[in-house]
């Protein structure tokens, strides 16, 4: 007697149904992990930025630039400072700003015009608000959603009102 090898139609349908149920259960968890990883990455960038501020301040103190506006040579980059912390000069070009951020943050980023030309140029891009003297760090794949009301970015300010530097991580839209 010959025995047939293979699956019956009912067995195949049953396997497909089980896989469909598993995918419905697993997919939301996978999506949530992806979003959680973006939020965690931004938190890490924000933490690195806060720690980098201490290093910049130490170098500014060594160069006697902790009072008022000044400029320091930080890792070969001319970095404007206010009260010893990186200043945000809205008049700087996007490339200058990106170079300054890379010096004190050591991040793989590009300036806004570069990311518009090549969305795969780096994982992050640096943007600025000239009027508000703010630096924003966005994920490159969020370029289409980018705006100041899009809450998936790191925000740095160092206002001249005496409040000191501020690093804010926004992750609600990640």
C-alpha atoms as a PDB file:
ATOM      1  CA  UNK A   1       0.000   0.000   0.000  1.00  0.00           C
ATOM      2  CA  UNK A   2       1.382   3.413  -0.926  1.00  0.00           C
ATOM      3  CA  UNK A   3       1.078   6.217   1.572  1.00  0.00           C
ATOM      4  CA  UNK A   4       0.591   9.741   0.261  1.00  0.00           C
ATOM      5  CA  UNK A   5       2.873  12.461   1.536  1.00  0.00           C
ATOM      6  CA  UNK A   6       1.572  15.992   1.806  1.00  0.00           C
ATOM      7  CA  UNK A   7      -1.068  18.094   3.435  1.00  0.00           C
ATOM      8  CA  UNK A   8      -4.793  18.072   2.950  1.00  0.00           C
ATOM      9  CA  UNK A   9      -6.609  21.234   2.018  1.00  0.00           C
ATOM     10  CA  UNK A  10      -8.064  21.494   5.514  1.00  0.00           C
ATOM     11  CA  UNK A  11      -4.612  21.293   7.088  1.00  0.00           C
ATOM     12  CA  UNK A  12      -3.299  24.047   4.804  1.00  0.00           C
ATOM     13  CA  UNK A  13      -6.265  26.315   5.547  1.00  0.00           C
ATOM     14  CA  UNK A  14      -5.806  25.680   9.267  1.00  0.00           C
ATOM     15  CA  UNK A  15      -2.107  26.662   9.078  1.00  0.00           C
ATOM     16  CA  UNK A  16      -2.984  29.835   7.147  1.00  0.00           C
ATOM     17  CA  UNK A  17      -5.623  30.776   9.718  1.00  0.00           C
ATOM     18  CA  UNK A  18      -3.183  30.209  12.593  1.00  0.00           C
ATOM     19  CA  UNK A  19      -0.529  32.349  10.855  1.00  0.00           C
ATOM     20  CA  UNK A  20      -3.087  35.085  10.230  1.00  0.00           C
ATOM     21  CA  UNK A  21      -4.114  35.131  13.894  1.00  0.00           C
ATOM     22  CA  UNK A  22      -0.463  35.241  14.997  1.00  0.00           C
ATOM     23  CA  UNK A  23       0.295  38.124  12.631  1.00  0.00           C
ATOM     24  CA  UNK A  24      -2.708  40.110  13.886  1.00  0.00           C
ATOM     25  CA  UNK A  25      -1.466  39.655  17.444  1.00  0.00           C
ATOM     26  CA  UNK A  26       2.254  40.216  16.730  1.00  0.00           C
ATOM     27  CA  UNK A  27       2.085  43.134  14.258  1.00  0.00           C
ATOM     28  CA  UNK A  28       0.903  45.788  16.740  1.00  0.00           C
ATOM     29  CA  UNK A  29       3.619  44.718  19.162  1.00  0.00           C
ATOM     30  CA  UNK A  30       6.229  45.001  16.402  1.00  0.00           C
ATOM     31  CA  UNK A  31       5.006  48.473  15.423  1.00  0.00           C
ATOM     32  CA  UNK A  32       5.042  49.535  19.063  1.00  0.00           C
ATOM     33  CA  UNK A  33       8.634  48.311  19.423  1.00  0.00           C
ATOM     34  CA  UNK A  34       9.674  50.341  16.385  1.00  0.00           C
ATOM     35  CA  UNK A  35       8.108  53.491  17.802  1.00  0.00           C
ATOM     36  CA  UNK A  36       9.564  52.787  21.238  1.00  0.00           C
ATOM     37  CA  UNK A  37      12.999  52.399  19.682  1.00  0.00           C
ATOM     38  CA  UNK A  38      12.707  55.811  17.981  1.00  0.00           C
ATOM     39  CA  UNK A  39      11.724  57.399  21.284  1.00  0.00           C
ATOM     40  CA  UNK A  40      14.586  55.653  23.100  1.00  0.00           C
ATOM     41  CA  UNK A  41      17.038  56.793  20.431  1.00  0.00           C
ATOM     42  CA  UNK A  42      15.934  60.411  20.836  1.00  0.00           C
ATOM     43  CA  UNK A  43      16.243  60.084  24.614  1.00  0.00           C
ATOM     44  CA  UNK A  44      19.818  58.839  24.094  1.00  0.00           C
ATOM     45  CA  UNK A  45      20.600  61.766  21.772  1.00  0.00           C
ATOM     46  CA  UNK A  46      19.164  64.167  24.354  1.00  0.00           C
ATOM     47  CA  UNK A  47      21.275  62.563  27.099  1.00  0.00           C
ATOM     48  CA  UNK A  48      24.405  62.750  24.958  1.00  0.00           C
ATOM     49  CA  UNK A  49      23.631  66.394  24.229  1.00  0.00           C
ATOM     50  CA  UNK A  50      23.296  67.175  27.963  1.00  0.00           C
ATOM     51  CA  UNK A  51      26.622  65.461  28.687  1.00  0.00           C
ATOM     52  CA  UNK A  52      28.270  67.242  25.762  1.00  0.00           C
ATOM     53  CA  UNK A  53      27.207  70.555  27.299  1.00  0.00           C
ATOM     54  CA  UNK A  54      29.416  69.828  30.317  1.00  0.00           C
ATOM     55  CA  UNK A  55      32.405  69.183  28.075  1.00  0.00           C
ATOM     56  CA  UNK A  56      31.824  72.385  26.110  1.00  0.00           C
ATOM     57  CA  UNK A  57      31.476  74.360  29.340  1.00  0.00           C
ATOM     58  CA  UNK A  58      34.756  72.911  30.627  1.00  0.00           C
ATOM     59  CA  UNK A  59      36.539  73.910  27.425  1.00  0.00           C
ATOM     60  CA  UNK A  60      34.935  77.374  27.554  1.00  0.00           C
ATOM     61  CA  UNK A  61      36.204  77.780  31.111  1.00  0.00           C
ATOM     62  CA  UNK A  62      39.714  76.806  30.002  1.00  0.00           C
ATOM     63  CA  UNK A  63      39.506  79.416  27.228  1.00  0.00           C
ATOM     64  CA  UNK A  64      38.029  82.027  29.627  1.00  0.00           C
ATOM     65  CA  UNK A  65      34.732  82.251  27.699  1.00  0.00           C
ATOM     66  CA  UNK A  66      32.109  81.594  30.404  1.00  0.00           C
ATOM     67  CA  UNK A  67      30.764  85.142  30.692  1.00  0.00           C
ATOM     68  CA  UNK A  68      28.488  86.592  28.034  1.00  0.00           C
ATOM     69  CA  UNK A  69      28.917  85.892  24.346  1.00  0.00           C
ATOM     70  CA  UNK A  70      32.130  84.392  23.057  1.00  0.00           C
ATOM     71  CA  UNK A  71      33.612  81.806  20.784  1.00  0.00           C
ATOM     72  CA  UNK A  72      35.804  78.815  21.498  1.00  0.00           C
ATOM     73  CA  UNK A  73      37.822  76.424  19.404  1.00  0.00           C
ATOM     74  CA  UNK A  74      36.210  73.083  20.192  1.00  0.00           C
ATOM     75  CA  UNK A  75      37.687  70.038  18.456  1.00  0.00           C
ATOM     76  CA  UNK A  76      38.816  72.236  15.560  1.00  0.00           C
ATOM     77  CA  UNK A  77      35.417  73.911  15.139  1.00  0.00           C
ATOM     78  CA  UNK A  78      34.729  77.538  16.000  1.00  0.00           C
ATOM     79  CA  UNK A  79      31.810  77.224  18.402  1.00  0.00           C
ATOM     80  CA  UNK A  80      29.850  80.302  19.518  1.00  0.00           C
ATOM     81  CA  UNK A  81      29.081  80.180  23.244  1.00  0.00           C
ATOM     82  CA  UNK A  82      26.908  82.094  25.646  1.00  0.00           C
ATOM     83  CA  UNK A  83      27.765  81.798  29.345  1.00  0.00           C
ATOM     84  CA  UNK A  84      30.091  78.923  28.403  1.00  0.00           C
ATOM     85  CA  UNK A  85      27.461  76.792  26.642  1.00  0.00           C
ATOM     86  CA  UNK A  86      26.855  76.454  22.904  1.00  0.00           C
ATOM     87  CA  UNK A  87      25.016  79.488  21.630  1.00  0.00           C
ATOM     88  CA  UNK A  88      22.450  79.234  18.902  1.00  0.00           C
ATOM     89  CA  UNK A  89      23.180  81.794  16.245  1.00  0.00           C
ATOM     90  CA  UNK A  90      20.238  81.800  13.874  1.00  0.00           C
ATOM     91  CA  UNK A  91      22.417  83.655  11.364  1.00  0.00           C
ATOM     92  CA  UNK A  92      24.720  80.664  10.893  1.00  0.00           C
ATOM     93  CA  UNK A  93      24.214  78.566   7.790  1.00  0.00           C
ATOM     94  CA  UNK A  94      22.717  75.088   8.120  1.00  0.00           C
ATOM     95  CA  UNK A  95      26.132  73.587   7.326  1.00  0.00           C
ATOM     96  CA  UNK A  96      27.881  75.669  10.020  1.00  0.00           C
ATOM     97  CA  UNK A  97      25.227  74.745  12.555  1.00  0.00           C
ATOM     98  CA  UNK A  98      25.466  71.047  11.696  1.00  0.00           C
ATOM     99  CA  UNK A  99      29.267  71.185  12.013  1.00  0.00           C
ATOM    100  CA  UNK A 100      28.962  72.844  15.433  1.00  0.00           C
ATOM    101  CA  UNK A 101      26.416  70.285  16.645  1.00  0.00           C
ATOM    102  CA  UNK A 102      28.593  67.427  15.418  1.00  0.00           C
ATOM    103  CA  UNK A 103      31.564  68.859  17.338  1.00  0.00           C
ATOM    104  CA  UNK A 104      29.872  68.836  20.749  1.00  0.00           C
ATOM    105  CA  UNK A 105      27.435  65.997  20.202  1.00  0.00           C
ATOM    106  CA  UNK A 106      29.325  63.567  17.933  1.00  0.00           C
ATOM    107  CA  UNK A 107      26.233  62.578  15.976  1.00  0.00           C
ATOM    108  CA  UNK A 108      25.846  61.268  12.437  1.00  0.00           C
ATOM    109  CA  UNK A 109      23.794  64.134  11.038  1.00  0.00           C
ATOM    110  CA  UNK A 110      23.553  66.389   8.034  1.00  0.00           C
ATOM    111  CA  UNK A 111      22.195  69.864   7.480  1.00  0.00           C
ATOM    112  CA  UNK A 112      18.616  70.364   6.321  1.00  0.00           C
ATOM    113  CA  UNK A 113      19.411  71.174   2.643  1.00  0.00           C
ATOM    114  CA  UNK A 114      21.503  67.987   2.378  1.00  0.00           C
ATOM    115  CA  UNK A 115      18.721  65.764   3.697  1.00  0.00           C
ATOM    116  CA  UNK A 116      16.259  67.314   1.258  1.00  0.00           C
ATOM    117  CA  UNK A 117      18.586  66.393  -1.611  1.00  0.00           C
ATOM    118  CA  UNK A 118      19.371  62.904  -0.249  1.00  0.00           C
ATOM    119  CA  UNK A 119      17.032  61.416   2.362  1.00  0.00           C
ATOM    120  CA  UNK A 120      19.525  58.586   3.049  1.00  0.00           C
ATOM    121  CA  UNK A 121      22.504  60.868   3.761  1.00  0.00           C
ATOM    122  CA  UNK A 122      22.450  60.273   7.547  1.00  0.00           C
ATOM    123  CA  UNK A 123      20.090  58.979  10.258  1.00  0.00           C
ATOM    124  CA  UNK A 124      19.522  62.514  11.614  1.00  0.00           C
ATOM    125  CA  UNK A 125      19.336  66.027  10.266  1.00  0.00           C
ATOM    126  CA  UNK A 126      19.857  69.342  12.021  1.00  0.00           C
ATOM    127  CA  UNK A 127      17.411  72.178  11.532  1.00  0.00           C
ATOM    128  CA  UNK A 128      17.111  75.578  13.154  1.00  0.00           C
ATOM    129  CA  UNK A 129      14.642  78.254  14.023  1.00  0.00           C
ATOM    130  CA  UNK A 130      16.423  81.490  13.162  1.00  0.00           C
ATOM    131  CA  UNK A 131      13.867  83.719  14.874  1.00  0.00           C
ATOM    132  CA  UNK A 132      13.809  81.694  18.113  1.00  0.00           C
ATOM    133  CA  UNK A 133      17.500  80.676  18.131  1.00  0.00           C
ATOM    134  CA  UNK A 134      16.718  76.986  18.458  1.00  0.00           C
ATOM    135  CA  UNK A 135      18.372  73.831  17.165  1.00  0.00           C
ATOM    136  CA  UNK A 136      16.254  70.834  16.232  1.00  0.00           C
ATOM    137  CA  UNK A 137      17.466  67.294  15.587  1.00  0.00           C
ATOM    138  CA  UNK A 138      15.037  65.139  13.597  1.00  0.00           C
ATOM    139  CA  UNK A 139      15.161  61.615  12.208  1.00  0.00           C
ATOM    140  CA  UNK A 140      15.896  61.721   8.490  1.00  0.00           C
ATOM    141  CA  UNK A 141      12.916  59.505   7.712  1.00  0.00           C
ATOM    142  CA  UNK A 142      10.643  62.104   9.372  1.00  0.00           C
ATOM    143  CA  UNK A 143      11.536  64.829   6.865  1.00  0.00           C
ATOM    144  CA  UNK A 144       8.034  64.915   5.374  1.00  0.00           C
ATOM    145  CA  UNK A 145       6.483  65.407   8.836  1.00  0.00           C
ATOM    146  CA  UNK A 146       9.017  67.969  10.078  1.00  0.00           C
ATOM    147  CA  UNK A 147       7.667  71.075  11.744  1.00  0.00           C
ATOM    148  CA  UNK A 148       8.033  72.710  15.144  1.00  0.00           C
ATOM    149  CA  UNK A 149       4.709  71.151  16.143  1.00  0.00           C
ATOM    150  CA  UNK A 150       5.875  67.650  15.141  1.00  0.00           C
ATOM    151  CA  UNK A 151       6.876  66.125  18.468  1.00  0.00           C
ATOM    152  CA  UNK A 152       9.556  63.629  17.476  1.00  0.00           C
ATOM    153  CA  UNK A 153      12.762  65.618  17.876  1.00  0.00           C
ATOM    154  CA  UNK A 154      15.384  66.954  20.246  1.00  0.00           C
ATOM    155  CA  UNK A 155      15.300  70.692  20.874  1.00  0.00           C
ATOM    156  CA  UNK A 156      18.234  72.765  22.161  1.00  0.00           C
ATOM    157  CA  UNK A 157      18.088  76.393  23.242  1.00  0.00           C
ATOM    158  CA  UNK A 158      20.468  78.720  25.065  1.00  0.00           C
ATOM    159  CA  UNK A 159      18.600  81.947  25.457  1.00  0.00           C
ATOM    160  CA  UNK A 160      20.213  85.185  26.554  1.00  0.00           C
ATOM    161  CA  UNK A 161      17.559  85.665  29.251  1.00  0.00           C
ATOM    162  CA  UNK A 162      19.688  83.970  31.895  1.00  0.00           C
ATOM    163  CA  UNK A 163      17.741  80.696  31.912  1.00  0.00           C
ATOM    164  CA  UNK A 164      20.755  78.758  30.636  1.00  0.00           C
ATOM    165  CA  UNK A 165      20.846  75.939  28.139  1.00  0.00           C
ATOM    166  CA  UNK A 166      17.865  73.669  27.705  1.00  0.00           C
ATOM    167  CA  UNK A 167      17.589  70.241  26.071  1.00  0.00           C
ATOM    168  CA  UNK A 168      14.063  68.997  25.458  1.00  0.00           C
ATOM    169  CA  UNK A 169      13.243  65.585  24.003  1.00  0.00           C
ATOM    170  CA  UNK A 170       9.810  65.310  22.373  1.00  0.00           C
ATOM    171  CA  UNK A 171       8.605  61.809  21.523  1.00  0.00           C
ATOM    172  CA  UNK A 172       4.802  61.888  21.419  1.00  0.00           C
ATOM    173  CA  UNK A 173       4.686  61.765  17.587  1.00  0.00           C
ATOM    174  CA  UNK A 174       7.403  59.156  17.096  1.00  0.00           C
END
